[in-house]
N, C-alpha and C. Protein backbone atom coordinates (compact mmCIF):
# COMPACT_ATOMS: atom_id res chain seq x y z
N MET A 1 106.28 126.31 111.00
CA MET A 1 105.82 126.09 109.62
C MET A 1 104.74 124.99 109.64
N GLU A 2 103.64 125.26 108.95
CA GLU A 2 102.56 124.29 108.92
C GLU A 2 102.97 123.06 108.11
N GLN A 3 102.67 121.89 108.67
CA GLN A 3 103.04 120.59 108.02
C GLN A 3 102.20 120.42 106.77
N LEU A 4 102.90 120.03 105.68
CA LEU A 4 102.19 119.77 104.40
C LEU A 4 101.34 118.54 104.56
N LYS A 5 100.07 118.69 104.18
CA LYS A 5 99.13 117.57 104.24
C LYS A 5 99.12 116.84 102.92
N ILE A 6 99.39 115.56 102.95
CA ILE A 6 99.46 114.76 101.71
C ILE A 6 98.30 113.76 101.72
N GLN A 7 97.56 113.65 100.65
CA GLN A 7 96.44 112.72 100.55
C GLN A 7 96.73 111.75 99.42
N ILE A 8 96.50 110.49 99.72
CA ILE A 8 96.61 109.42 98.72
C ILE A 8 95.24 109.32 98.01
N LEU A 9 95.26 109.53 96.71
CA LEU A 9 94.04 109.49 95.91
C LEU A 9 93.80 108.13 95.35
N ILE A 10 92.60 107.57 95.55
CA ILE A 10 92.25 106.20 95.13
C ILE A 10 91.10 106.30 94.13
N ASN A 11 91.15 105.46 93.12
CA ASN A 11 90.09 105.35 92.13
C ASN A 11 88.76 105.14 92.82
N PRO A 12 87.78 106.02 92.65
CA PRO A 12 86.45 105.90 93.29
C PRO A 12 85.73 104.59 92.94
N ALA A 13 86.09 103.96 91.81
CA ALA A 13 85.47 102.70 91.42
C ALA A 13 85.81 101.57 92.39
N LEU A 14 86.81 101.79 93.26
CA LEU A 14 87.23 100.74 94.16
C LEU A 14 86.42 100.68 95.46
N TYR A 15 85.58 101.62 95.70
CA TYR A 15 84.78 101.63 96.92
C TYR A 15 83.36 102.14 96.68
N VAL A 16 82.48 101.79 97.58
CA VAL A 16 81.09 102.28 97.51
C VAL A 16 81.05 103.69 98.15
N ARG A 17 81.75 103.84 99.26
CA ARG A 17 81.88 105.13 99.92
C ARG A 17 83.33 105.27 100.32
N ASN A 18 83.92 106.46 100.13
CA ASN A 18 85.33 106.67 100.45
C ASN A 18 85.57 106.43 101.91
N PRO A 19 86.36 105.40 102.26
CA PRO A 19 86.59 105.08 103.66
C PRO A 19 87.37 106.16 104.44
N GLU A 20 88.14 106.97 103.69
CA GLU A 20 88.89 108.06 104.32
C GLU A 20 87.97 109.23 104.78
N SER A 21 86.71 109.19 104.37
CA SER A 21 85.84 110.31 104.65
C SER A 21 85.20 110.27 106.02
N THR A 22 85.29 109.09 106.71
CA THR A 22 84.63 108.98 108.02
C THR A 22 85.57 108.19 108.99
N ASP A 23 85.30 108.37 110.27
CA ASP A 23 86.03 107.62 111.29
C ASP A 23 85.83 106.14 111.11
N LEU A 24 84.60 105.70 110.86
CA LEU A 24 84.30 104.31 110.67
C LEU A 24 85.05 103.73 109.49
N GLY A 25 85.06 104.47 108.38
CA GLY A 25 85.77 104.02 107.18
C GLY A 25 87.26 103.82 107.43
N ARG A 26 87.85 104.77 108.14
CA ARG A 26 89.28 104.66 108.45
C ARG A 26 89.53 103.46 109.40
N LYS A 27 88.58 103.24 110.29
CA LYS A 27 88.69 102.13 111.22
C LYS A 27 88.58 100.77 110.45
N ILE A 28 87.71 100.70 109.48
CA ILE A 28 87.55 99.53 108.66
C ILE A 28 88.88 99.18 107.93
N VAL A 29 89.48 100.20 107.31
CA VAL A 29 90.74 99.99 106.60
C VAL A 29 91.84 99.58 107.56
N SER A 30 91.97 100.29 108.63
CA SER A 30 93.05 100.02 109.64
C SER A 30 92.92 98.63 110.20
N ALA A 31 91.70 98.27 110.65
CA ALA A 31 91.51 96.94 111.26
C ALA A 31 91.63 95.81 110.25
N SER A 32 91.21 96.06 108.99
CA SER A 32 91.30 95.01 108.00
C SER A 32 92.74 94.67 107.67
N ILE A 33 93.64 95.67 107.67
CA ILE A 33 95.04 95.43 107.45
C ILE A 33 95.62 94.55 108.55
N GLU A 34 95.30 94.83 109.78
CA GLU A 34 95.82 94.01 110.88
C GLU A 34 95.24 92.59 110.82
N MET A 35 93.95 92.46 110.45
CA MET A 35 93.32 91.17 110.46
C MET A 35 93.78 90.31 109.27
N ILE A 36 93.92 90.87 108.10
CA ILE A 36 94.37 90.11 106.97
C ILE A 36 95.80 89.63 107.19
N ASP A 37 96.62 90.48 107.80
CA ASP A 37 97.96 90.10 108.14
C ASP A 37 97.99 88.96 109.17
N ASP A 38 97.08 89.00 110.12
CA ASP A 38 97.05 87.99 111.16
C ASP A 38 96.38 86.68 110.72
N LEU A 39 95.25 86.83 110.01
CA LEU A 39 94.45 85.64 109.68
C LEU A 39 94.73 85.06 108.29
N GLY A 40 95.22 85.89 107.37
CA GLY A 40 95.29 85.53 105.98
C GLY A 40 94.01 85.90 105.27
N PHE A 41 94.12 86.21 103.97
CA PHE A 41 92.98 86.76 103.24
C PHE A 41 91.86 85.74 103.16
N GLU A 42 92.13 84.44 103.00
CA GLU A 42 91.07 83.45 102.88
C GLU A 42 90.24 83.36 104.14
N THR A 43 90.84 83.48 105.28
CA THR A 43 90.14 83.31 106.56
C THR A 43 89.45 84.62 106.97
N PHE A 44 89.92 85.71 106.52
CA PHE A 44 89.37 87.03 106.87
C PHE A 44 87.96 87.17 106.24
N THR A 45 87.02 87.67 107.06
CA THR A 45 85.65 87.94 106.58
C THR A 45 85.17 89.27 107.13
N PHE A 46 84.14 89.82 106.48
CA PHE A 46 83.56 91.08 106.96
C PHE A 46 82.86 90.87 108.28
N LYS A 47 82.33 89.67 108.52
CA LYS A 47 81.69 89.36 109.77
C LYS A 47 82.68 89.48 110.93
N LYS A 48 83.86 88.90 110.74
CA LYS A 48 84.94 88.95 111.75
C LYS A 48 85.40 90.41 111.91
N LEU A 49 85.50 91.13 110.83
CA LEU A 49 85.93 92.52 110.86
C LEU A 49 84.91 93.33 111.66
N GLY A 50 83.63 93.15 111.40
CA GLY A 50 82.58 93.87 112.13
C GLY A 50 82.66 93.59 113.64
N THR A 51 82.89 92.36 114.00
CA THR A 51 83.02 92.02 115.44
C THR A 51 84.19 92.74 116.06
N THR A 52 85.31 92.80 115.33
CA THR A 52 86.50 93.43 115.82
C THR A 52 86.36 94.91 116.05
N ILE A 53 85.69 95.58 115.11
CA ILE A 53 85.57 97.03 115.21
C ILE A 53 84.25 97.46 115.93
N GLY A 54 83.48 96.47 116.34
CA GLY A 54 82.20 96.78 117.08
C GLY A 54 81.17 97.43 116.20
N SER A 55 81.02 96.92 114.97
CA SER A 55 80.06 97.46 114.04
C SER A 55 79.36 96.31 113.33
N ASN A 56 78.19 96.62 112.77
CA ASN A 56 77.47 95.61 112.01
C ASN A 56 78.21 95.27 110.70
N GLU A 57 78.10 94.02 110.30
CA GLU A 57 78.71 93.60 109.04
C GLU A 57 78.14 94.44 107.88
N SER A 58 76.85 94.76 107.94
CA SER A 58 76.21 95.52 106.86
C SER A 58 76.84 96.91 106.69
N SER A 59 77.37 97.48 107.80
CA SER A 59 77.98 98.81 107.72
C SER A 59 79.25 98.77 106.88
N ILE A 60 79.96 97.63 106.86
CA ILE A 60 81.17 97.50 106.07
C ILE A 60 80.84 97.49 104.60
N TYR A 61 79.70 96.82 104.27
CA TYR A 61 79.28 96.78 102.85
C TYR A 61 78.89 98.19 102.31
N ARG A 62 78.70 99.11 103.18
CA ARG A 62 78.42 100.48 102.73
C ARG A 62 79.67 101.14 102.19
N TYR A 63 80.81 100.54 102.48
CA TYR A 63 82.11 101.08 101.99
C TYR A 63 82.71 100.24 100.88
N PHE A 64 82.61 98.88 101.07
CA PHE A 64 83.17 97.96 100.07
C PHE A 64 82.22 96.87 99.75
N GLU A 65 82.04 96.58 98.45
CA GLU A 65 81.04 95.58 98.07
C GLU A 65 81.45 94.16 98.34
N SER A 66 82.75 93.91 98.59
CA SER A 66 83.22 92.58 98.86
C SER A 66 84.62 92.65 99.48
N LYS A 67 85.10 91.56 100.05
CA LYS A 67 86.43 91.56 100.63
C LYS A 67 87.49 91.63 99.50
N HIS A 68 87.15 91.15 98.31
CA HIS A 68 88.04 91.29 97.20
C HIS A 68 88.20 92.76 96.85
N ALA A 69 87.09 93.52 96.84
CA ALA A 69 87.18 94.96 96.55
C ALA A 69 88.04 95.64 97.60
N LEU A 70 87.91 95.22 98.85
CA LEU A 70 88.73 95.79 99.91
C LEU A 70 90.24 95.50 99.68
N LEU A 71 90.54 94.28 99.30
CA LEU A 71 91.93 93.91 99.01
C LEU A 71 92.47 94.76 97.89
N VAL A 72 91.72 94.93 96.80
CA VAL A 72 92.17 95.73 95.66
C VAL A 72 92.38 97.17 96.10
N TYR A 73 91.52 97.66 96.98
CA TYR A 73 91.69 99.01 97.53
C TYR A 73 93.04 99.14 98.30
N LEU A 74 93.31 98.16 99.09
CA LEU A 74 94.56 98.15 99.89
C LEU A 74 95.79 98.11 98.98
N VAL A 75 95.72 97.27 97.93
CA VAL A 75 96.79 97.18 96.96
C VAL A 75 96.97 98.51 96.26
N SER A 76 95.86 99.12 95.84
CA SER A 76 95.93 100.39 95.17
C SER A 76 96.48 101.49 96.06
N TRP A 77 96.07 101.49 97.33
CA TRP A 77 96.59 102.51 98.31
C TRP A 77 98.10 102.34 98.43
N TYR A 78 98.55 101.09 98.55
CA TYR A 78 99.98 100.84 98.72
C TYR A 78 100.75 101.40 97.54
N TRP A 79 100.31 101.11 96.31
CA TRP A 79 101.06 101.57 95.14
C TRP A 79 100.94 103.05 94.92
N SER A 80 99.87 103.66 95.37
CA SER A 80 99.77 105.12 95.33
C SER A 80 100.77 105.74 96.31
N TRP A 81 100.92 105.09 97.45
CA TRP A 81 101.88 105.56 98.45
C TRP A 81 103.30 105.40 97.91
N ILE A 82 103.60 104.27 97.29
CA ILE A 82 104.91 104.06 96.69
C ILE A 82 105.17 105.10 95.59
N GLU A 83 104.16 105.39 94.80
CA GLU A 83 104.32 106.40 93.74
C GLU A 83 104.70 107.77 94.34
N TYR A 84 103.99 108.12 95.42
CA TYR A 84 104.27 109.40 96.09
C TYR A 84 105.73 109.42 96.54
N LYS A 85 106.22 108.32 97.13
CA LYS A 85 107.58 108.25 97.61
C LYS A 85 108.57 108.24 96.45
N LEU A 86 108.19 107.58 95.37
CA LEU A 86 109.04 107.52 94.20
C LEU A 86 109.24 108.91 93.59
N VAL A 87 108.21 109.68 93.49
CA VAL A 87 108.30 111.04 92.96
C VAL A 87 109.19 111.85 93.87
N PHE A 88 109.01 111.71 95.18
CA PHE A 88 109.80 112.46 96.14
C PHE A 88 111.30 112.14 96.00
N LEU A 89 111.62 110.84 95.76
CA LEU A 89 113.01 110.36 95.70
C LEU A 89 113.69 110.64 94.39
N THR A 90 112.94 110.96 93.35
CA THR A 90 113.55 111.10 92.03
C THR A 90 113.42 112.52 91.45
N THR A 91 112.57 113.33 91.97
CA THR A 91 112.39 114.69 91.46
C THR A 91 113.63 115.52 91.76
N ASN A 92 114.00 116.33 90.82
CA ASN A 92 115.14 117.27 90.93
C ASN A 92 116.50 116.53 91.02
N ILE A 93 116.52 115.27 90.59
CA ILE A 93 117.81 114.57 90.47
C ILE A 93 118.09 114.42 88.98
N SER A 94 119.20 115.01 88.55
CA SER A 94 119.52 114.99 87.13
C SER A 94 120.22 113.71 86.68
N ASP A 95 120.89 113.05 87.56
CA ASP A 95 121.66 111.82 87.25
C ASP A 95 120.65 110.66 87.17
N SER A 96 120.51 110.12 85.96
CA SER A 96 119.51 109.04 85.77
C SER A 96 119.87 107.77 86.53
N GLU A 97 121.17 107.48 86.64
CA GLU A 97 121.58 106.28 87.38
C GLU A 97 121.29 106.42 88.88
N ALA A 98 121.44 107.61 89.41
CA ALA A 98 121.11 107.87 90.79
C ALA A 98 119.60 107.75 91.02
N LYS A 99 118.83 108.22 90.09
CA LYS A 99 117.34 108.06 90.18
C LYS A 99 116.98 106.62 90.18
N LEU A 100 117.59 105.84 89.29
CA LEU A 100 117.25 104.42 89.20
C LEU A 100 117.65 103.66 90.46
N LEU A 101 118.80 104.02 91.01
CA LEU A 101 119.22 103.40 92.30
C LEU A 101 118.19 103.64 93.34
N ASN A 102 117.73 104.91 93.47
CA ASN A 102 116.69 105.20 94.47
C ASN A 102 115.42 104.43 94.23
N ALA A 103 115.02 104.33 92.96
CA ALA A 103 113.79 103.62 92.63
C ALA A 103 113.88 102.15 92.94
N ILE A 104 115.01 101.53 92.60
CA ILE A 104 115.14 100.09 92.86
C ILE A 104 115.13 99.80 94.35
N GLU A 105 115.82 100.66 95.11
CA GLU A 105 115.81 100.48 96.57
C GLU A 105 114.42 100.56 97.11
N LEU A 106 113.66 101.55 96.63
CA LEU A 106 112.28 101.73 97.11
C LEU A 106 111.39 100.53 96.90
N ILE A 107 111.48 99.89 95.74
CA ILE A 107 110.58 98.78 95.42
C ILE A 107 111.11 97.42 95.86
N THR A 108 112.31 97.37 96.44
CA THR A 108 112.86 96.07 96.86
C THR A 108 113.14 95.98 98.37
N LYS A 109 113.20 97.08 99.05
CA LYS A 109 113.59 97.02 100.45
C LYS A 109 112.36 96.82 101.34
N ASP A 110 112.61 96.51 102.62
CA ASP A 110 111.56 96.52 103.62
C ASP A 110 111.08 97.95 103.83
N VAL A 111 109.85 98.13 104.14
CA VAL A 111 109.33 99.49 104.34
C VAL A 111 109.37 99.84 105.85
N THR A 112 109.31 101.14 106.15
CA THR A 112 109.20 101.63 107.49
C THR A 112 107.92 102.43 107.63
N GLN A 113 107.52 102.59 108.86
CA GLN A 113 106.27 103.30 109.14
C GLN A 113 106.35 104.74 108.69
N ASP A 114 105.31 105.21 108.03
CA ASP A 114 105.21 106.58 107.57
C ASP A 114 104.16 107.34 108.41
N SER A 115 104.61 108.24 109.24
CA SER A 115 103.74 108.93 110.16
C SER A 115 102.78 109.90 109.49
N THR A 116 102.99 110.08 108.20
CA THR A 116 102.10 111.02 107.44
C THR A 116 100.65 110.52 107.42
N PHE A 117 100.49 109.21 107.42
CA PHE A 117 99.17 108.62 107.29
C PHE A 117 98.86 107.78 108.54
N SER A 118 98.13 108.39 109.45
CA SER A 118 98.00 107.82 110.81
C SER A 118 97.16 106.53 110.86
N PHE A 119 96.21 106.38 109.93
CA PHE A 119 95.31 105.21 110.01
C PHE A 119 95.81 104.02 109.24
N ILE A 120 96.96 104.11 108.57
CA ILE A 120 97.52 103.04 107.81
C ILE A 120 98.87 102.62 108.40
N ASN A 121 99.02 101.34 108.70
CA ASN A 121 100.28 100.82 109.12
C ASN A 121 100.99 100.28 107.90
N GLU A 122 101.91 101.06 107.34
CA GLU A 122 102.54 100.66 106.07
C GLU A 122 103.39 99.39 106.19
N VAL A 123 103.99 99.17 107.36
CA VAL A 123 104.83 97.99 107.56
C VAL A 123 103.94 96.73 107.47
N THR A 124 102.78 96.77 108.13
CA THR A 124 101.86 95.61 108.05
C THR A 124 101.25 95.49 106.66
N LEU A 125 100.93 96.61 106.06
CA LEU A 125 100.37 96.57 104.71
C LEU A 125 101.38 95.97 103.71
N HIS A 126 102.66 96.29 103.90
CA HIS A 126 103.68 95.72 103.00
C HIS A 126 103.74 94.19 103.14
N ARG A 127 103.55 93.69 104.33
CA ARG A 127 103.52 92.24 104.47
C ARG A 127 102.35 91.62 103.69
N ILE A 128 101.25 92.32 103.70
CA ILE A 128 100.07 91.88 102.88
C ILE A 128 100.37 91.89 101.39
N ILE A 129 101.02 92.97 100.97
CA ILE A 129 101.41 93.07 99.56
C ILE A 129 102.32 91.93 99.18
N VAL A 130 103.25 91.56 100.03
CA VAL A 130 104.19 90.48 99.76
C VAL A 130 103.46 89.15 99.66
N SER A 131 102.54 88.91 100.59
CA SER A 131 101.95 87.56 100.69
C SER A 131 100.60 87.38 100.04
N GLU A 132 99.86 88.53 99.86
CA GLU A 132 98.47 88.39 99.45
C GLU A 132 98.12 89.14 98.16
N SER A 133 98.99 90.09 97.72
CA SER A 133 98.51 91.00 96.67
C SER A 133 98.21 90.34 95.35
N SER A 134 98.92 89.24 95.05
CA SER A 134 98.67 88.54 93.75
C SER A 134 97.20 88.05 93.70
N LYS A 135 96.56 87.85 94.85
CA LYS A 135 95.17 87.39 94.86
C LYS A 135 94.23 88.48 94.38
N ALA A 136 94.71 89.73 94.39
CA ALA A 136 93.85 90.86 93.91
C ALA A 136 93.67 90.76 92.40
N TYR A 137 94.71 90.33 91.67
CA TYR A 137 94.57 90.33 90.21
C TYR A 137 94.65 88.93 89.59
N HIS A 138 94.86 87.87 90.38
CA HIS A 138 94.71 86.54 89.82
C HIS A 138 93.25 86.13 90.00
N THR A 139 92.39 86.73 89.17
CA THR A 139 90.98 86.49 89.26
C THR A 139 90.39 86.45 87.86
N LYS A 140 89.24 85.79 87.70
CA LYS A 140 88.60 85.68 86.39
C LYS A 140 88.16 87.05 85.91
N ASP A 141 87.95 88.02 86.78
CA ASP A 141 87.44 89.33 86.42
C ASP A 141 88.56 90.34 86.14
N ILE A 142 89.80 89.85 86.02
CA ILE A 142 90.94 90.77 85.91
C ILE A 142 90.77 91.73 84.74
N ASP A 143 90.31 91.27 83.59
CA ASP A 143 90.22 92.11 82.39
C ASP A 143 89.19 93.23 82.59
N LYS A 144 88.06 92.86 83.20
CA LYS A 144 87.01 93.87 83.50
C LYS A 144 87.51 94.89 84.52
N GLU A 145 88.20 94.39 85.54
CA GLU A 145 88.73 95.29 86.59
C GLU A 145 89.81 96.21 86.04
N ASN A 146 90.66 95.66 85.20
CA ASN A 146 91.71 96.42 84.58
C ASN A 146 91.11 97.56 83.72
N ALA A 147 90.08 97.24 83.01
CA ALA A 147 89.39 98.26 82.17
C ALA A 147 88.81 99.39 82.98
N LYS A 148 88.46 99.08 84.23
CA LYS A 148 87.92 100.09 85.13
C LYS A 148 89.03 100.90 85.85
N GLY A 149 90.27 100.54 85.58
CA GLY A 149 91.41 101.26 86.16
C GLY A 149 91.81 100.83 87.58
N PHE A 150 91.43 99.59 87.92
CA PHE A 150 91.71 99.13 89.31
C PHE A 150 93.20 99.06 89.57
N TYR A 151 94.03 98.81 88.58
CA TYR A 151 95.45 98.59 88.78
C TYR A 151 96.31 99.67 88.21
N LYS A 152 95.69 100.83 87.98
CA LYS A 152 96.36 101.97 87.33
C LYS A 152 97.57 102.44 88.11
N THR A 153 97.49 102.51 89.42
CA THR A 153 98.62 103.04 90.20
C THR A 153 99.85 102.11 90.10
N TYR A 154 99.61 100.81 90.19
CA TYR A 154 100.71 99.83 90.05
C TYR A 154 101.35 100.00 88.70
N LYS A 155 100.56 100.12 87.63
CA LYS A 155 101.10 100.30 86.29
C LYS A 155 101.87 101.63 86.17
N ARG A 156 101.39 102.68 86.86
CA ARG A 156 102.08 103.95 86.79
C ARG A 156 103.46 103.90 87.44
N VAL A 157 103.59 103.16 88.55
CA VAL A 157 104.89 102.96 89.17
C VAL A 157 105.83 102.29 88.20
N VAL A 158 105.36 101.19 87.60
CA VAL A 158 106.19 100.46 86.62
C VAL A 158 106.61 101.37 85.49
N GLN A 159 105.65 102.21 85.02
CA GLN A 159 105.93 103.13 83.91
C GLN A 159 107.01 104.20 84.27
N ARG A 160 106.83 104.74 85.45
CA ARG A 160 107.78 105.78 85.91
C ARG A 160 109.23 105.21 85.96
N ILE A 161 109.36 104.02 86.52
CA ILE A 161 110.71 103.45 86.65
C ILE A 161 111.23 103.00 85.28
N SER A 162 110.31 102.48 84.46
CA SER A 162 110.71 102.08 83.11
C SER A 162 111.24 103.30 82.32
N ASP A 163 110.62 104.45 82.54
CA ASP A 163 111.10 105.69 81.84
C ASP A 163 112.53 106.04 82.28
N ILE A 164 112.85 105.79 83.57
CA ILE A 164 114.20 106.07 84.01
C ILE A 164 115.19 105.09 83.38
N VAL A 165 114.76 103.84 83.23
CA VAL A 165 115.61 102.83 82.58
C VAL A 165 115.94 103.31 81.16
N LEU A 166 114.97 103.86 80.46
CA LEU A 166 115.17 104.32 79.07
C LEU A 166 116.01 105.60 79.00
N GLU A 167 116.03 106.34 80.10
CA GLU A 167 116.93 107.50 80.14
C GLU A 167 118.37 107.05 80.08
N ILE A 168 118.63 105.88 80.68
CA ILE A 168 120.03 105.33 80.74
C ILE A 168 120.32 104.60 79.45
N ASN A 169 119.39 103.84 78.95
CA ASN A 169 119.57 103.08 77.69
C ASN A 169 118.29 103.09 76.89
N GLN A 170 118.16 104.09 76.00
CA GLN A 170 116.92 104.21 75.26
C GLN A 170 116.69 103.06 74.28
N ALA A 171 117.71 102.25 74.06
CA ALA A 171 117.56 101.12 73.12
C ALA A 171 117.12 99.83 73.86
N TYR A 172 117.04 99.91 75.22
CA TYR A 172 116.69 98.69 75.94
C TYR A 172 115.26 98.33 75.60
N ALA A 173 115.03 97.09 75.23
CA ALA A 173 113.74 96.67 74.65
C ALA A 173 112.70 96.22 75.65
N PHE A 174 113.10 95.94 76.91
CA PHE A 174 112.17 95.28 77.81
C PHE A 174 112.01 96.03 79.17
N PRO A 175 111.85 97.34 79.20
CA PRO A 175 111.81 98.03 80.51
C PRO A 175 110.68 97.62 81.41
N HIS A 176 109.48 97.44 80.85
CA HIS A 176 108.33 97.09 81.65
C HIS A 176 108.44 95.69 82.22
N MET A 177 108.95 94.77 81.34
CA MET A 177 109.13 93.41 81.80
C MET A 177 110.16 93.36 82.93
N LEU A 178 111.22 94.13 82.75
CA LEU A 178 112.30 94.16 83.75
C LEU A 178 111.81 94.67 85.08
N ILE A 179 111.11 95.83 85.09
CA ILE A 179 110.69 96.42 86.38
C ILE A 179 109.60 95.62 87.05
N SER A 180 108.63 95.11 86.31
CA SER A 180 107.60 94.31 86.92
C SER A 180 108.19 92.99 87.48
N THR A 181 109.18 92.44 86.77
CA THR A 181 109.87 91.25 87.29
C THR A 181 110.65 91.57 88.58
N VAL A 182 111.24 92.71 88.66
CA VAL A 182 111.96 93.13 89.86
C VAL A 182 110.95 93.24 91.04
N ILE A 183 109.86 93.90 90.81
CA ILE A 183 108.86 94.09 91.92
C ILE A 183 108.36 92.78 92.40
N GLU A 184 107.82 91.95 91.45
CA GLU A 184 107.22 90.67 91.89
C GLU A 184 108.31 89.73 92.45
N GLY A 185 109.51 89.76 91.83
CA GLY A 185 110.56 88.92 92.33
C GLY A 185 111.02 89.26 93.71
N ALA A 186 111.12 90.57 93.98
CA ALA A 186 111.52 91.02 95.32
C ALA A 186 110.50 90.59 96.35
N HIS A 187 109.21 90.60 95.98
CA HIS A 187 108.19 90.10 96.90
C HIS A 187 108.36 88.62 97.20
N HIS A 188 108.63 87.87 96.14
CA HIS A 188 108.85 86.42 96.32
C HIS A 188 110.07 86.19 97.22
N GLN A 189 111.16 86.88 96.93
CA GLN A 189 112.39 86.68 97.70
C GLN A 189 112.19 87.10 99.20
N ARG A 190 111.42 88.11 99.44
CA ARG A 190 111.19 88.51 100.80
C ARG A 190 110.33 87.46 101.50
N TYR A 191 109.33 86.93 100.77
CA TYR A 191 108.49 85.86 101.33
C TYR A 191 109.34 84.58 101.59
N PHE A 192 110.18 84.24 100.64
CA PHE A 192 111.04 83.05 100.80
C PHE A 192 111.99 83.25 102.04
N SER A 193 112.50 84.46 102.17
CA SER A 193 113.42 84.71 103.29
C SER A 193 112.78 84.48 104.64
N GLU A 194 111.48 84.70 104.69
CA GLU A 194 110.74 84.50 105.96
C GLU A 194 110.28 83.08 106.16
N HIS A 195 109.95 82.38 105.08
CA HIS A 195 109.35 81.05 105.21
C HIS A 195 110.08 79.92 104.51
N LEU A 196 110.79 80.20 103.46
CA LEU A 196 111.54 79.19 102.72
C LEU A 196 112.95 79.66 102.45
N PRO A 197 113.74 79.85 103.51
CA PRO A 197 115.01 80.54 103.39
C PRO A 197 116.04 79.84 102.49
N SER A 198 115.88 78.55 102.26
CA SER A 198 116.84 77.85 101.39
C SER A 198 116.64 78.25 99.92
N LEU A 199 115.59 78.98 99.62
CA LEU A 199 115.31 79.41 98.23
C LEU A 199 115.91 80.78 97.91
N THR A 200 116.57 81.37 98.92
CA THR A 200 117.09 82.73 98.73
C THR A 200 118.46 82.82 99.38
N ASN A 201 119.07 84.00 99.28
CA ASN A 201 120.37 84.22 99.87
C ASN A 201 120.39 85.40 100.84
N LYS A 202 119.26 85.65 101.47
CA LYS A 202 119.21 86.74 102.40
C LYS A 202 120.09 86.49 103.60
N GLU A 203 120.86 87.52 104.00
CA GLU A 203 121.69 87.43 105.15
C GLU A 203 121.24 88.46 106.20
N GLU A 204 121.23 88.08 107.43
CA GLU A 204 120.81 88.92 108.54
C GLU A 204 121.63 90.21 108.53
N GLY A 205 120.93 91.33 108.51
CA GLY A 205 121.64 92.61 108.58
C GLY A 205 122.16 93.11 107.27
N GLN A 206 121.93 92.35 106.21
CA GLN A 206 122.39 92.72 104.86
C GLN A 206 121.21 92.93 103.91
N ASN A 207 121.30 93.94 103.08
CA ASN A 207 120.25 94.25 102.08
C ASN A 207 120.51 93.40 100.83
N THR A 208 120.55 92.09 100.96
CA THR A 208 120.86 91.24 99.83
C THR A 208 119.83 91.31 98.71
N ILE A 209 118.56 91.47 99.07
CA ILE A 209 117.52 91.55 98.05
C ILE A 209 117.70 92.82 97.24
N VAL A 210 117.94 93.93 97.90
CA VAL A 210 118.16 95.20 97.22
C VAL A 210 119.41 95.11 96.34
N LYS A 211 120.48 94.55 96.89
CA LYS A 211 121.74 94.42 96.13
C LYS A 211 121.58 93.53 94.91
N PHE A 212 120.84 92.41 95.08
CA PHE A 212 120.66 91.51 93.95
C PHE A 212 119.91 92.14 92.81
N TYR A 213 118.83 92.83 93.09
CA TYR A 213 118.02 93.42 92.03
C TYR A 213 118.68 94.66 91.44
N THR A 214 119.45 95.36 92.23
CA THR A 214 120.23 96.50 91.68
C THR A 214 121.24 95.97 90.70
N ASP A 215 121.95 94.92 91.08
CA ASP A 215 122.93 94.30 90.17
C ASP A 215 122.28 93.78 88.92
N LEU A 216 121.13 93.10 89.06
CA LEU A 216 120.42 92.51 87.95
C LEU A 216 119.99 93.59 86.95
N VAL A 217 119.40 94.68 87.45
CA VAL A 217 118.90 95.74 86.56
C VAL A 217 120.02 96.40 85.79
N PHE A 218 121.04 96.81 86.51
CA PHE A 218 122.11 97.54 85.83
C PHE A 218 122.89 96.66 84.84
N ARG A 219 123.04 95.39 85.17
CA ARG A 219 123.68 94.51 84.23
C ARG A 219 122.83 94.32 82.96
N ALA A 220 121.51 94.22 83.17
CA ALA A 220 120.60 93.99 82.07
C ALA A 220 120.54 95.17 81.10
N ILE A 221 120.45 96.35 81.65
CA ILE A 221 120.23 97.53 80.77
C ILE A 221 121.52 98.01 80.12
N LYS A 222 122.66 97.58 80.64
CA LYS A 222 123.94 98.02 80.08
C LYS A 222 124.52 97.06 79.04
N LEU A 223 123.87 95.88 78.93
CA LEU A 223 124.25 94.94 77.91
C LEU A 223 123.63 95.35 76.57
N LYS A 224 124.31 95.04 75.49
CA LYS A 224 123.78 95.34 74.18
C LYS A 224 122.63 94.42 73.88
N ASN A 225 121.56 94.96 73.28
CA ASN A 225 120.38 94.18 72.90
C ASN A 225 120.71 93.30 71.70
């Protein structure tokens, strides 16, 4: 049986030229993920990226107008990938609580490599999302970028899971606040567990972050407003 080919669709406003359309573009994305993870976003530059991939710095600008645009692209790709996995995990499940359990686990657990997309290392990209993604939208241009749809995939993930919350308790007043808090909080807790462990309760070999946010969500939505 022929393997189903899945493509992650990204808002064209996020790039000058679609990096997935050429070998160089895919190399730019792949190498940038490794370098941002290794160097940090502040230290990462297109000049260093060009040296690493053996290409002129100017060739990278043919794909992305700035390293900020590249970071937003990576964030958007990640959330599009999460959305694809979310749909896969919740489609054809009639039990709303089971769907919500799957969704919470997806957005709070460590990720594993997905062989479907050969030029993206999702494990490394997830580390960037945890440590660097807030820099994509903590910017003076956030309102303009939002109007252009830069963060649409992230918002769609929140909306999809919020809809499941309302399937369980249609009177719950704060579904978007709850789910965005879970996502961002899980990122903070994962970062703390690696660097500031006294701020969290992660235990080796235990999915404490997943368990905490699962408990938090179900307690919140089952309480009377």
